[in-house]
PDB file of N, CA and C in Angstrom:
ATOM      1  N   UNK A   1    -117.554 176.519 -97.174  1.00  0.00           N
ATOM      2  CA  UNK A   1    -119.118 176.517 -97.020  1.00  0.00           C
ATOM      3  C   UNK A   1    -119.983 175.189 -97.122  1.00  0.00           C
ATOM      4  N   UNK A   2    -120.476 174.711 -96.223  1.00  0.00           N
ATOM      5  CA  UNK A   2    -120.775 173.190 -96.270  1.00  0.00           C
ATOM      6  C   UNK A   2    -122.134 172.615 -96.933  1.00  0.00           C
ATOM      7  N   UNK A   3    -122.119 171.671 -97.075  1.00  0.00           N
ATOM      8  CA  UNK A   3    -122.823 171.150 -97.585  1.00  0.00           C
ATOM      9  C   UNK A   3    -124.565 171.192 -97.224  1.00  0.00           C
ATOM     10  N   UNK A   4    -125.400 171.505 -97.872  1.00  0.00           N
ATOM     11  CA  UNK A   4    -126.642 170.822 -97.061  1.00  0.00           C
ATOM     12  C   UNK A   4    -127.109 169.344 -97.190  1.00  0.00           C
ATOM     13  N   UNK A   5    -127.530 169.726 -96.128  1.00  0.00           N
ATOM     14  CA  UNK A   5    -128.016 167.779 -95.589  1.00  0.00           C
ATOM     15  C   UNK A   5    -129.146 167.698 -95.788  1.00  0.00           C
ATOM     16  N   UNK A   6    -130.149 168.769 -96.099  1.00  0.00           N
ATOM     17  CA  UNK A   6    -132.008 168.625 -95.870  1.00  0.00           C
ATOM     18  C   UNK A   6    -132.352 167.034 -96.432  1.00  0.00           C
ATOM     19  N   UNK A   7    -131.730 166.774 -97.528  1.00  0.00           N
ATOM     20  CA  UNK A   7    -132.070 165.464 -98.266  1.00  0.00           C
ATOM     21  C   UNK A   7    -131.534 164.345 -97.587  1.00  0.00           C
ATOM     22  N   UNK A   8    -130.246 164.581 -97.242  1.00  0.00           N
ATOM     23  CA  UNK A   8    -129.319 163.587 -97.032  1.00  0.00           C
ATOM     24  C   UNK A   8    -130.358 163.116 -95.529  1.00  0.00           C
ATOM     25  N   UNK A   9    -130.726 163.988 -94.825  1.00  0.00           N
ATOM     26  CA  UNK A   9    -131.035 163.747 -92.807  1.00  0.00           C
ATOM     27  C   UNK A   9    -132.455 162.915 -93.511  1.00  0.00           C
ATOM     28  N   UNK A  10    -133.400 163.259 -94.639  1.00  0.00           N
ATOM     29  CA  UNK A  10    -134.681 162.926 -94.834  1.00  0.00           C
ATOM     30  C   UNK A  10    -134.513 161.241 -95.107  1.00  0.00           C
ATOM     31  N   UNK A  11    -133.279 161.277 -95.793  1.00  0.00           N
ATOM     32  CA  UNK A  11    -132.957 159.960 -96.090  1.00  0.00           C
ATOM     33  C   UNK A  11    -132.720 158.897 -94.825  1.00  0.00           C
ATOM     34  N   UNK A  12    -132.537 159.417 -93.898  1.00  0.00           N
ATOM     35  CA  UNK A  12    -132.165 158.845 -92.384  1.00  0.00           C
ATOM     36  C   UNK A  12    -130.591 158.594 -93.119  1.00  0.00           C
ATOM     37  N   UNK A  13    -129.723 159.363 -93.904  1.00  0.00           N
ATOM     38  CA  UNK A  13    -128.307 158.837 -94.007  1.00  0.00           C
ATOM     39  C   UNK A  13    -127.401 159.879 -93.057  1.00  0.00           C
ATOM     40  N   UNK A  14    -126.446 159.493 -92.877  1.00  0.00           N
ATOM     41  CA  UNK A  14    -125.315 160.157 -92.284  1.00  0.00           C
ATOM     42  C   UNK A  14    -124.256 160.541 -93.410  1.00  0.00           C
ATOM     43  N   UNK A  15    -123.379 161.201 -93.428  1.00  0.00           N
ATOM     44  CA  UNK A  15    -122.203 161.885 -93.994  1.00  0.00           C
ATOM     45  C   UNK A  15    -121.003 161.317 -93.770  1.00  0.00           C
ATOM     46  N   UNK A  16    -120.140 160.564 -94.869  1.00  0.00           N
ATOM     47  CA  UNK A  16    -119.197 160.098 -94.113  1.00  0.00           C
ATOM     48  C   UNK A  16    -117.293 160.742 -94.948  1.00  0.00           C
ATOM     49  N   UNK A  17    -117.818 161.345 -96.133  1.00  0.00           N
ATOM     50  CA  UNK A  17    -117.092 162.177 -96.440  1.00  0.00           C
ATOM     51  C   UNK A  17    -117.278 163.464 -96.848  1.00  0.00           C
ATOM     52  N   UNK A  18    -116.913 164.518 -97.201  1.00  0.00           N
ATOM     53  CA  UNK A  18    -117.029 165.682 -98.058  1.00  0.00           C
ATOM     54  C   UNK A  18    -116.173 166.323 -98.534  1.00  0.00           C
ATOM     55  N   UNK A  19    -116.018 166.837 -99.577  1.00  0.00           N
ATOM     56  CA  UNK A  19    -115.225 167.538-100.735  1.00  0.00           C
ATOM     57  C   UNK A  19    -114.348 168.612 -99.886  1.00  0.00           C
ATOM     58  N   UNK A  20    -112.968 168.185-100.139  1.00  0.00           N
ATOM     59  CA  UNK A  20    -111.908 169.079 -99.340  1.00  0.00           C
ATOM     60  C   UNK A  20    -112.350 170.673 -99.452  1.00  0.00           C
ATOM     61  N   UNK A  21    -111.862 171.100 -98.388  1.00  0.00           N
ATOM     62  CA  UNK A  21    -112.204 172.971 -98.570  1.00  0.00           C
ATOM     63  C   UNK A  21    -111.805 173.380 -99.508  1.00  0.00           C
ATOM     64  N   UNK A  22    -112.348 174.306-100.480  1.00  0.00           N
ATOM     65  CA  UNK A  22    -111.817 175.145-101.564  1.00  0.00           C
ATOM     66  C   UNK A  22    -112.433 176.361-101.247  1.00  0.00           C
ATOM     67  N   UNK A  23    -111.609 177.077-100.316  1.00  0.00           N
ATOM     68  CA  UNK A  23    -112.343 178.673-100.162  1.00  0.00           C
ATOM     69  C   UNK A  23    -112.266 179.388-101.653  1.00  0.00           C
ATOM     70  N   UNK A  24    -111.618 179.592-102.531  1.00  0.00           N
ATOM     71  CA  UNK A  24    -111.909 180.195-103.717  1.00  0.00           C
ATOM     72  C   UNK A  24    -113.015 179.698-104.346  1.00  0.00           C
ATOM     73  N   UNK A  25    -113.812 178.593-104.440  1.00  0.00           N
ATOM     74  CA  UNK A  25    -114.631 177.922-104.895  1.00  0.00           C
ATOM     75  C   UNK A  25    -115.887 178.781-104.152  1.00  0.00           C
ATOM     76  N   UNK A  26    -116.689 179.151-104.872  1.00  0.00           N
ATOM     77  CA  UNK A  26    -118.171 179.883-103.828  1.00  0.00           C
ATOM     78  C   UNK A  26    -119.173 179.146-104.186  1.00  0.00           C
ATOM     79  N   UNK A  27    -118.843 177.866-104.011  1.00  0.00           N
ATOM     80  CA  UNK A  27    -119.620 176.978-104.146  1.00  0.00           C
ATOM     81  C   UNK A  27    -120.109 175.776-102.957  1.00  0.00           C
ATOM     82  N   UNK A  28    -121.248 175.513-102.494  1.00  0.00           N
ATOM     83  CA  UNK A  28    -121.476 174.041-100.960  1.00  0.00           C
ATOM     84  C   UNK A  28    -120.087 172.791-101.467  1.00  0.00           C
ATOM     85  N   UNK A  29    -119.592 172.522-100.435  1.00  0.00           N
ATOM     86  CA  UNK A  29    -118.891 171.606-100.667  1.00  0.00           C
ATOM     87  C   UNK A  29    -119.221 170.076-100.960  1.00  0.00           C
ATOM     88  N   UNK A  30    -119.259 169.291-101.439  1.00  0.00           N
ATOM     89  CA  UNK A  30    -120.055 168.033-102.171  1.00  0.00           C
ATOM     90  C   UNK A  30    -120.097 167.543-101.236  1.00  0.00           C
ATOM     91  N   UNK A  31    -121.033 166.599-101.115  1.00  0.00           N
ATOM     92  CA  UNK A  31    -121.323 165.056-100.012  1.00  0.00           C
ATOM     93  C   UNK A  31    -120.265 163.983-101.301  1.00  0.00           C
ATOM     94  N   UNK A  32    -119.206 163.887-100.375  1.00  0.00           N
ATOM     95  CA  UNK A  32    -118.557 162.250-101.344  1.00  0.00           C
ATOM     96  C   UNK A  32    -119.158 161.301-101.095  1.00  0.00           C
ATOM     97  N   UNK A  33    -119.709 160.756 -99.745  1.00  0.00           N
ATOM     98  CA  UNK A  33    -119.643 159.491 -98.994  1.00  0.00           C
ATOM     99  C   UNK A  33    -121.232 159.437 -98.142  1.00  0.00           C
ATOM    100  N   UNK A  34    -121.775 158.862 -98.321  1.00  0.00           N
ATOM    101  CA  UNK A  34    -122.568 158.526 -97.260  1.00  0.00           C
ATOM    102  C   UNK A  34    -123.279 157.288 -96.711  1.00  0.00           C
ATOM    103  N   UNK A  35    -124.087 157.053 -95.571  1.00  0.00           N
ATOM    104  CA  UNK A  35    -124.084 155.909 -95.549  1.00  0.00           C
ATOM    105  C   UNK A  35    -125.532 156.046 -95.612  1.00  0.00           C
ATOM    106  N   UNK A  36    -126.458 155.396 -96.104  1.00  0.00           N
ATOM    107  CA  UNK A  36    -127.830 155.348 -96.262  1.00  0.00           C
ATOM    108  C   UNK A  36    -128.170 154.452 -94.792  1.00  0.00           C
ATOM    109  N   UNK A  37    -127.700 153.328 -95.013  1.00  0.00           N
ATOM    110  CA  UNK A  37    -128.082 152.027 -94.058  1.00  0.00           C
ATOM    111  C   UNK A  37    -127.062 151.550 -94.043  1.00  0.00           C
ATOM    112  N   UNK A  38    -127.225 150.274 -92.889  1.00  0.00           N
ATOM    113  CA  UNK A  38    -125.848 149.382 -92.586  1.00  0.00           C
ATOM    114  C   UNK A  38    -125.607 148.665 -93.822  1.00  0.00           C
ATOM    115  N   UNK A  39    -126.261 148.662 -94.703  1.00  0.00           N
ATOM    116  CA  UNK A  39    -125.915 147.897 -96.167  1.00  0.00           C
ATOM    117  C   UNK A  39    -125.574 148.907 -97.399  1.00  0.00           C
ATOM    118  N   UNK A  40    -125.959 149.827 -96.751  1.00  0.00           N
ATOM    119  CA  UNK A  40    -125.907 150.928 -98.361  1.00  0.00           C
ATOM    120  C   UNK A  40    -125.218 151.912 -97.863  1.00  0.00           C
ATOM    121  N   UNK A  41    -124.132 152.483 -98.646  1.00  0.00           N
ATOM    122  CA  UNK A  41    -123.259 153.330 -98.844  1.00  0.00           C
ATOM    123  C   UNK A  41    -123.419 154.073-100.312  1.00  0.00           C
ATOM    124  N   UNK A  42    -123.728 155.175-100.334  1.00  0.00           N
ATOM    125  CA  UNK A  42    -123.235 155.854-101.228  1.00  0.00           C
ATOM    126  C   UNK A  42    -122.120 156.579-101.864  1.00  0.00           C
ATOM    127  N   UNK A  43    -121.455 156.853-102.783  1.00  0.00           N
ATOM    128  CA  UNK A  43    -120.135 157.555-102.944  1.00  0.00           C
ATOM    129  C   UNK A  43    -120.152 158.572-104.256  1.00  0.00           C
ATOM    130  N   UNK A  44    -119.293 159.442-104.394  1.00  0.00           N
ATOM    131  CA  UNK A  44    -119.515 160.319-105.304  1.00  0.00           C
ATOM    132  C   UNK A  44    -118.148 159.936-106.224  1.00  0.00           C
ATOM    133  N   UNK A  45    -117.467 159.186-105.874  1.00  0.00           N
ATOM    134  CA  UNK A  45    -116.089 158.619-106.284  1.00  0.00           C
ATOM    135  C   UNK A  45    -115.934 156.995-106.850  1.00  0.00           C
ATOM    136  N   UNK A  46    -114.766 156.742-107.355  1.00  0.00           N
ATOM    137  CA  UNK A  46    -114.979 155.450-107.615  1.00  0.00           C
ATOM    138  C   UNK A  46    -113.562 154.516-106.955  1.00  0.00           C
ATOM    139  N   UNK A  47    -114.199 154.056-105.506  1.00  0.00           N
ATOM    140  CA  UNK A  47    -112.582 153.288-105.110  1.00  0.00           C
ATOM    141  C   UNK A  47    -112.066 152.414-105.734  1.00  0.00           C
ATOM    142  N   UNK A  48    -113.328 151.590-106.696  1.00  0.00           N
ATOM    143  CA  UNK A  48    -112.525 150.540-107.534  1.00  0.00           C
ATOM    144  C   UNK A  48    -111.714 151.024-108.546  1.00  0.00           C
ATOM    145  N   UNK A  49    -111.271 152.397-109.023  1.00  0.00           N
ATOM    146  CA  UNK A  49    -110.958 152.619-110.152  1.00  0.00           C
ATOM    147  C   UNK A  49    -109.589 152.429-110.190  1.00  0.00           C
ATOM    148  N   UNK A  50    -109.116 151.744-111.149  1.00  0.00           N
ATOM    149  CA  UNK A  50    -107.671 151.511-110.910  1.00  0.00           C
ATOM    150  C   UNK A  50    -106.677 152.599-112.089  1.00  0.00           C
ATOM    151  N   UNK A  51    -105.435 153.000-111.464  1.00  0.00           N
ATOM    152  CA  UNK A  51    -104.705 153.838-112.504  1.00  0.00           C
ATOM    153  C   UNK A  51    -104.723 153.663-113.800  1.00  0.00           C
ATOM    154  N   UNK A  52    -104.204 152.306-114.402  1.00  0.00           N
ATOM    155  CA  UNK A  52    -104.017 152.018-115.852  1.00  0.00           C
ATOM    156  C   UNK A  52    -105.317 152.060-115.982  1.00  0.00           C
ATOM    157  N   UNK A  53    -106.813 151.544-115.875  1.00  0.00           N
ATOM    158  CA  UNK A  53    -107.865 151.827-116.395  1.00  0.00           C
ATOM    159  C   UNK A  53    -108.155 153.574-116.961  1.00  0.00           C
ATOM    160  N   UNK A  54    -107.799 154.302-115.373  1.00  0.00           N
ATOM    161  CA  UNK A  54    -108.300 155.963-115.595  1.00  0.00           C
ATOM    162  C   UNK A  54    -107.038 156.335-116.730  1.00  0.00           C
ATOM    163  N   UNK A  55    -105.834 156.015-117.064  1.00  0.00           N
ATOM    164  CA  UNK A  55    -105.136 156.439-118.013  1.00  0.00           C
ATOM    165  C   UNK A  55    -105.616 155.966-118.810  1.00  0.00           C
ATOM    166  N   UNK A  56    -106.304 155.029-119.259  1.00  0.00           N
ATOM    167  CA  UNK A  56    -106.563 154.573-120.621  1.00  0.00           C
ATOM    168  C   UNK A  56    -107.556 155.405-121.236  1.00  0.00           C
ATOM    169  N   UNK A  57    -108.608 155.404-120.026  1.00  0.00           N
ATOM    170  CA  UNK A  57    -109.978 156.372-120.093  1.00  0.00           C
ATOM    171  C   UNK A  57    -109.431 157.661-120.301  1.00  0.00           C
ATOM    172  N   UNK A  58    -108.589 158.590-119.887  1.00  0.00           N
ATOM    173  CA  UNK A  58    -107.916 159.991-120.310  1.00  0.00           C
ATOM    174  C   UNK A  58    -107.230 159.852-121.478  1.00  0.00           C
ATOM    175  N   UNK A  59    -106.336 158.639-121.930  1.00  0.00           N
ATOM    176  CA  UNK A  59    -105.910 158.597-123.094  1.00  0.00           C
ATOM    177  C   UNK A  59    -106.784 158.613-124.228  1.00  0.00           C
ATOM    178  N   UNK A  60    -107.887 158.254-124.131  1.00  0.00           N
ATOM    179  CA  UNK A  60    -108.901 158.259-125.151  1.00  0.00           C
ATOM    180  C   UNK A  60    -109.260 160.075-126.056  1.00  0.00           C
ATOM    181  N   UNK A  61    -109.113 160.378-127.377  1.00  0.00           N
ATOM    182  CA  UNK A  61    -109.124 161.523-127.609  1.00  0.00           C
ATOM    183  C   UNK A  61    -110.132 162.239-127.387  1.00  0.00           C
ATOM    184  N   UNK A  62    -111.479 162.024-127.205  1.00  0.00           N
ATOM    185  CA  UNK A  62    -112.859 162.468-126.876  1.00  0.00           C
ATOM    186  C   UNK A  62    -112.456 163.189-125.233  1.00  0.00           C
ATOM    187  N   UNK A  63    -112.380 162.228-124.417  1.00  0.00           N
ATOM    188  CA  UNK A  63    -112.232 162.342-122.944  1.00  0.00           C
ATOM    189  C   UNK A  63    -111.030 163.539-123.070  1.00  0.00           C
ATOM    190  N   UNK A  64    -109.981 163.004-123.112  1.00  0.00           N
ATOM    191  CA  UNK A  64    -108.754 164.310-123.155  1.00  0.00           C
ATOM    192  C   UNK A  64    -109.199 165.423-123.778  1.00  0.00           C
ATOM    193  N   UNK A  65    -109.939 165.350-124.424  1.00  0.00           N
ATOM    194  CA  UNK A  65    -110.184 167.157-124.878  1.00  0.00           C
ATOM    195  C   UNK A  65    -111.346 167.643-124.079  1.00  0.00           C
ATOM    196  N   UNK A  66    -112.030 166.854-123.635  1.00  0.00           N
ATOM    197  CA  UNK A  66    -113.149 167.263-122.715  1.00  0.00           C
ATOM    198  C   UNK A  66    -112.606 168.057-121.297  1.00  0.00           C
ATOM    199  N   UNK A  67    -111.652 166.861-121.016  1.00  0.00           N
ATOM    200  CA  UNK A  67    -110.909 167.445-119.863  1.00  0.00           C
ATOM    201  C   UNK A  67    -110.321 168.604-120.095  1.00  0.00           C
ATOM    202  N   UNK A  68    -109.515 168.600-121.050  1.00  0.00           N
ATOM    203  CA  UNK A  68    -108.334 170.099-121.580  1.00  0.00           C
ATOM    204  C   UNK A  68    -109.192 170.953-121.437  1.00  0.00           C
ATOM    205  N   UNK A  69    -110.543 170.897-122.419  1.00  0.00           N
ATOM    206  CA  UNK A  69    -111.589 172.214-122.315  1.00  0.00           C
ATOM    207  C   UNK A  69    -112.062 172.726-121.059  1.00  0.00           C
ATOM    208  N   UNK A  70    -112.459 171.909-120.402  1.00  0.00           N
ATOM    209  CA  UNK A  70    -112.885 171.872-118.890  1.00  0.00           C
ATOM    210  C   UNK A  70    -111.994 172.512-117.486  1.00  0.00           C
ATOM    211  N   UNK A  71    -110.988 171.854-117.727  1.00  0.00           N
ATOM    212  CA  UNK A  71    -110.269 172.129-116.947  1.00  0.00           C
ATOM    213  C   UNK A  71    -108.871 172.910-116.803  1.00  0.00           C
ATOM    214  N   UNK A  72    -108.580 172.649-118.199  1.00  0.00           N
ATOM    215  CA  UNK A  72    -106.576 173.073-118.307  1.00  0.00           C
ATOM    216  C   UNK A  72    -105.737 172.042-118.800  1.00  0.00           C
ATOM    217  N   UNK A  73    -105.214 172.378-118.889  1.00  0.00           N
ATOM    218  CA  UNK A  73    -103.674 171.637-119.144  1.00  0.00           C
ATOM    219  C   UNK A  73    -103.082 171.464-118.151  1.00  0.00           C
ATOM    220  N   UNK A  74    -102.824 172.506-117.075  1.00  0.00           N
ATOM    221  CA  UNK A  74    -102.317 172.377-115.906  1.00  0.00           C
ATOM    222  C   UNK A  74    -102.746 171.144-115.097  1.00  0.00           C
ATOM    223  N   UNK A  75    -104.372 171.392-114.926  1.00  0.00           N
ATOM    224  CA  UNK A  75    -105.085 170.626-114.090  1.00  0.00           C
ATOM    225  C   UNK A  75    -104.740 169.109-115.051  1.00  0.00           C
ATOM    226  N   UNK A  76    -105.309 169.004-116.193  1.00  0.00           N
ATOM    227  CA  UNK A  76    -105.042 167.565-116.734  1.00  0.00           C
ATOM    228  C   UNK A  76    -103.673 166.672-116.198  1.00  0.00           C
ATOM    229  N   UNK A  77    -102.217 167.490-116.568  1.00  0.00           N
ATOM    230  CA  UNK A  77    -101.112 166.839-116.370  1.00  0.00           C
ATOM    231  C   UNK A  77    -101.299 166.623-115.245  1.00  0.00           C
ATOM    232  N   UNK A  78    -101.744 167.251-113.932  1.00  0.00           N
ATOM    233  CA  UNK A  78    -101.340 166.727-112.783  1.00  0.00           C
ATOM    234  C   UNK A  78    -102.388 165.699-112.500  1.00  0.00           C
ATOM    235  N   UNK A  79    -103.407 165.618-113.097  1.00  0.00           N
ATOM    236  CA  UNK A  79    -104.244 164.105-113.110  1.00  0.00           C
ATOM    237  C   UNK A  79    -103.404 163.130-113.799  1.00  0.00           C
ATOM    238  N   UNK A  80    -102.674 163.267-114.554  1.00  0.00           N
ATOM    239  CA  UNK A  80    -101.990 162.230-114.980  1.00  0.00           C
ATOM    240  C   UNK A  80    -100.891 162.108-114.514  1.00  0.00           C
ATOM    241  N   UNK A  81     -99.923 162.862-113.988  1.00  0.00           N
ATOM    242  CA  UNK A  81     -99.040 162.641-113.051  1.00  0.00           C
ATOM    243  C   UNK A  81     -99.141 161.825-111.822  1.00  0.00           C
ATOM    244  N   UNK A  82    -100.713 162.176-111.115  1.00  0.00           N
ATOM    245  CA  UNK A  82    -100.972 161.344-109.917  1.00  0.00           C
ATOM    246  C   UNK A  82    -101.705 159.571-110.147  1.00  0.00           C
ATOM    247  N   UNK A  83    -101.774 160.030-111.498  1.00  0.00           N
ATOM    248  CA  UNK A  83    -102.495 158.502-112.036  1.00  0.00           C
ATOM    249  C   UNK A  83    -101.226 157.287-112.253  1.00  0.00           C
ATOM    250  N   UNK A  84    -100.165 158.456-112.589  1.00  0.00           N
ATOM    251  CA  UNK A  84     -98.460 157.575-112.773  1.00  0.00           C
ATOM    252  C   UNK A  84     -97.715 157.288-111.414  1.00  0.00           C
ATOM    253  N   UNK A  85     -98.489 158.317-110.320  1.00  0.00           N
ATOM    254  CA  UNK A  85     -97.421 157.708-108.974  1.00  0.00           C
ATOM    255  C   UNK A  85     -98.059 156.870-108.513  1.00  0.00           C
ATOM    256  N   UNK A  86     -97.172 155.578-108.175  1.00  0.00           N
ATOM    257  CA  UNK A  86     -97.500 153.876-107.909  1.00  0.00           C
ATOM    258  C   UNK A  86     -98.380 154.611-106.600  1.00  0.00           C
ATOM    259  N   UNK A  87     -98.090 155.630-105.845  1.00  0.00           N
ATOM    260  CA  UNK A  87     -98.463 155.558-104.086  1.00  0.00           C
ATOM    261  C   UNK A  87     -99.671 156.502-104.209  1.00  0.00           C
ATOM    262  N   UNK A  88     -99.906 157.287-105.492  1.00  0.00           N
ATOM    263  CA  UNK A  88    -100.961 157.673-105.013  1.00  0.00           C
ATOM    264  C   UNK A  88    -102.657 157.208-104.562  1.00  0.00           C
ATOM    265  N   UNK A  89    -103.034 156.325-105.037  1.00  0.00           N
ATOM    266  CA  UNK A  89    -103.939 155.540-104.493  1.00  0.00           C
ATOM    267  C   UNK A  89    -103.905 154.553-103.351  1.00  0.00           C
ATOM    268  N   UNK A  90    -102.546 154.687-103.074  1.00  0.00           N
ATOM    269  CA  UNK A  90    -102.312 153.867-101.984  1.00  0.00           C
ATOM    270  C   UNK A  90    -103.317 153.552-100.395  1.00  0.00           C
ATOM    271  N   UNK A  91    -103.810 154.878-100.331  1.00  0.00           N
ATOM    272  CA  UNK A  91    -104.696 154.996 -99.110  1.00  0.00           C
ATOM    273  C   UNK A  91    -106.281 153.994 -99.460  1.00  0.00           C
ATOM    274  N   UNK A  92    -106.541 154.113-100.786  1.00  0.00           N
ATOM    275  CA  UNK A  92    -107.982 153.524-101.357  1.00  0.00           C
ATOM    276  C   UNK A  92    -107.588 152.024-101.190  1.00  0.00           C
ATOM    277  N   UNK A  93    -106.150 151.725-101.748  1.00  0.00           N
ATOM    278  CA  UNK A  93    -106.572 150.396-101.958  1.00  0.00           C
ATOM    279  C   UNK A  93    -105.779 149.648-100.293  1.00  0.00           C
ATOM    280  N   UNK A  94    -105.358 150.148 -99.874  1.00  0.00           N
ATOM    281  CA  UNK A  94    -104.890 149.621 -98.696  1.00  0.00           C
ATOM    282  C   UNK A  94    -105.577 149.643 -97.436  1.00  0.00           C
ATOM    283  N   UNK A  95    -106.372 150.972 -97.180  1.00  0.00           N
ATOM    284  CA  UNK A  95    -107.362 151.231 -95.935  1.00  0.00           C
ATOM    285  C   UNK A  95    -108.704 151.077 -96.531  1.00  0.00           C
ATOM    286  N   UNK A  96    -109.308 151.890 -97.599  1.00  0.00           N
ATOM    287  CA  UNK A  96    -110.486 152.304 -97.739  1.00  0.00           C
ATOM    288  C   UNK A  96    -111.244 151.021 -98.081  1.00  0.00           C
ATOM    289  N   UNK A  97    -110.716 150.461 -99.381  1.00  0.00           N
ATOM    290  CA  UNK A  97    -111.847 149.198 -99.690  1.00  0.00           C
ATOM    291  C   UNK A  97    -111.669 147.995 -98.822  1.00  0.00           C
ATOM    292  N   UNK A  98    -110.565 147.664 -98.188  1.00  0.00           N
ATOM    293  CA  UNK A  98    -110.520 146.393 -97.224  1.00  0.00           C
ATOM    294  C   UNK A  98    -111.566 147.070 -95.931  1.00  0.00           C
ATOM    295  N   UNK A  99    -111.300 148.081 -95.532  1.00  0.00           N
ATOM    296  CA  UNK A  99    -111.946 148.595 -94.423  1.00  0.00           C
ATOM    297  C   UNK A  99    -113.226 148.515 -94.333  1.00  0.00           C
ATOM    298  N   UNK A 100    -113.703 148.902 -95.520  1.00  0.00           N
ATOM    299  CA  UNK A 100    -115.442 148.638 -95.906  1.00  0.00           C
ATOM    300  C   UNK A 100    -115.513 147.220 -95.971  1.00  0.00           C
ATOM    301  N   UNK A 101    -114.635 146.137 -96.886  1.00  0.00           N
ATOM    302  CA  UNK A 101    -115.828 144.772 -96.530  1.00  0.00           C
ATOM    303  C   UNK A 101    -115.033 144.185 -95.535  1.00  0.00           C
ATOM    304  N   UNK A 102    -114.568 144.798 -94.798  1.00  0.00           N
ATOM    305  CA  UNK A 102    -114.047 143.871 -93.338  1.00  0.00           C
ATOM    306  C   UNK A 102    -114.977 144.562 -92.437  1.00  0.00           C
ATOM    307  N   UNK A 103    -115.459 145.840 -92.491  1.00  0.00           N
ATOM    308  CA  UNK A 103    -116.869 145.902 -91.623  1.00  0.00           C
ATOM    309  C   UNK A 103    -118.102 145.482 -92.271  1.00  0.00           C
ATOM    310  N   UNK A 104    -118.291 145.504 -93.695  1.00  0.00           N
ATOM    311  CA  UNK A 104    -119.766 144.864 -93.738  1.00  0.00           C
ATOM    312  C   UNK A 104    -119.394 143.387 -93.835  1.00  0.00           C
ATOM    313  N   UNK A 105    -118.543 142.323 -93.535  1.00  0.00           N
ATOM    314  CA  UNK A 105    -118.618 141.191 -93.257  1.00  0.00           C
ATOM    315  C   UNK A 105    -118.883 141.242 -91.946  1.00  0.00           C
ATOM    316  N   UNK A 106    -118.390 141.714 -91.054  1.00  0.00           N
ATOM    317  CA  UNK A 106    -118.234 141.768 -89.571  1.00  0.00           C
ATOM    318  C   UNK A 106    -119.896 142.430 -89.532  1.00  0.00           C
ATOM    319  N   UNK A 107    -120.607 142.963 -89.887  1.00  0.00           N
ATOM    320  CA  UNK A 107    -121.698 143.426 -89.552  1.00  0.00           C
ATOM    321  C   UNK A 107    -122.872 142.088 -90.257  1.00  0.00           C
ATOM    322  N   UNK A 108    -122.209 141.931 -91.143  1.00  0.00           N
ATOM    323  CA  UNK A 108    -123.217 140.776 -91.659  1.00  0.00           C
ATOM    324  C   UNK A 108    -123.175 139.602 -90.635  1.00  0.00           C
ATOM    325  N   UNK A 109    -121.914 139.024 -90.201  1.00  0.00           N
ATOM    326  CA  UNK A 109    -121.913 137.929 -89.401  1.00  0.00           C
ATOM    327  C   UNK A 109    -122.582 138.393 -88.193  1.00  0.00           C
ATOM    328  N   UNK A 110    -122.202 139.704 -87.767  1.00  0.00           N
ATOM    329  CA  UNK A 110    -123.607 139.674 -86.267  1.00  0.00           C
ATOM    330  C   UNK A 110    -124.484 139.814 -86.288  1.00  0.00           C
ATOM    331  N   UNK A 111    -125.098 139.867 -87.998  1.00  0.00           N
ATOM    332  CA  UNK A 111    -126.938 139.919 -87.859  1.00  0.00           C
ATOM    333  C   UNK A 111    -127.128 138.391 -87.910  1.00  0.00           C
ATOM    334  N   UNK A 112    -126.139 137.701 -88.472  1.00  0.00           N
ATOM    335  CA  UNK A 112    -126.473 136.080 -88.567  1.00  0.00           C
ATOM    336  C   UNK A 112    -126.471 135.547 -87.155  1.00  0.00           C
ATOM    337  N   UNK A 113    -125.522 135.907 -86.483  1.00  0.00           N
ATOM    338  CA  UNK A 113    -125.735 135.427 -85.159  1.00  0.00           C
ATOM    339  C   UNK A 113    -126.376 135.579 -84.001  1.00  0.00           C
ATOM    340  N   UNK A 114    -127.136 137.092 -84.512  1.00  0.00           N
ATOM    341  CA  UNK A 114    -128.244 137.638 -83.822  1.00  0.00           C
ATOM    342  C   UNK A 114    -129.310 136.436 -84.055  1.00  0.00           C
ATOM    343  N   UNK A 115    -129.562 136.146 -85.293  1.00  0.00           N
ATOM    344  CA  UNK A 115    -130.673 135.507 -85.964  1.00  0.00           C
ATOM    345  C   UNK A 115    -130.863 134.210 -85.189  1.00  0.00           C
TER     346      UNK A 115
END
């Protein structure tokens, strides 16, 4: 099921990423990233998050218990295993953030040259 885009289009935004397809979930796919303007990109994830910080976050009693209650032990253990996997966030660190910064710098330089 595709996400509703009415509000996004009203902003003049374009969708950059949507949630993975989950046929067993009877909900629309969430918009995960959108570009509102050349300068503004919104995300529903934290590309700056690092595994060590997230492991610390999920090791806190309240957070761990809330996650276990909400998603179950299997999902929680899968998350912890992924955070311990040194390759899990490689695409984010090696591609997403550097590409975003490179594009933002290039765009800014083009604007300065045009002025």
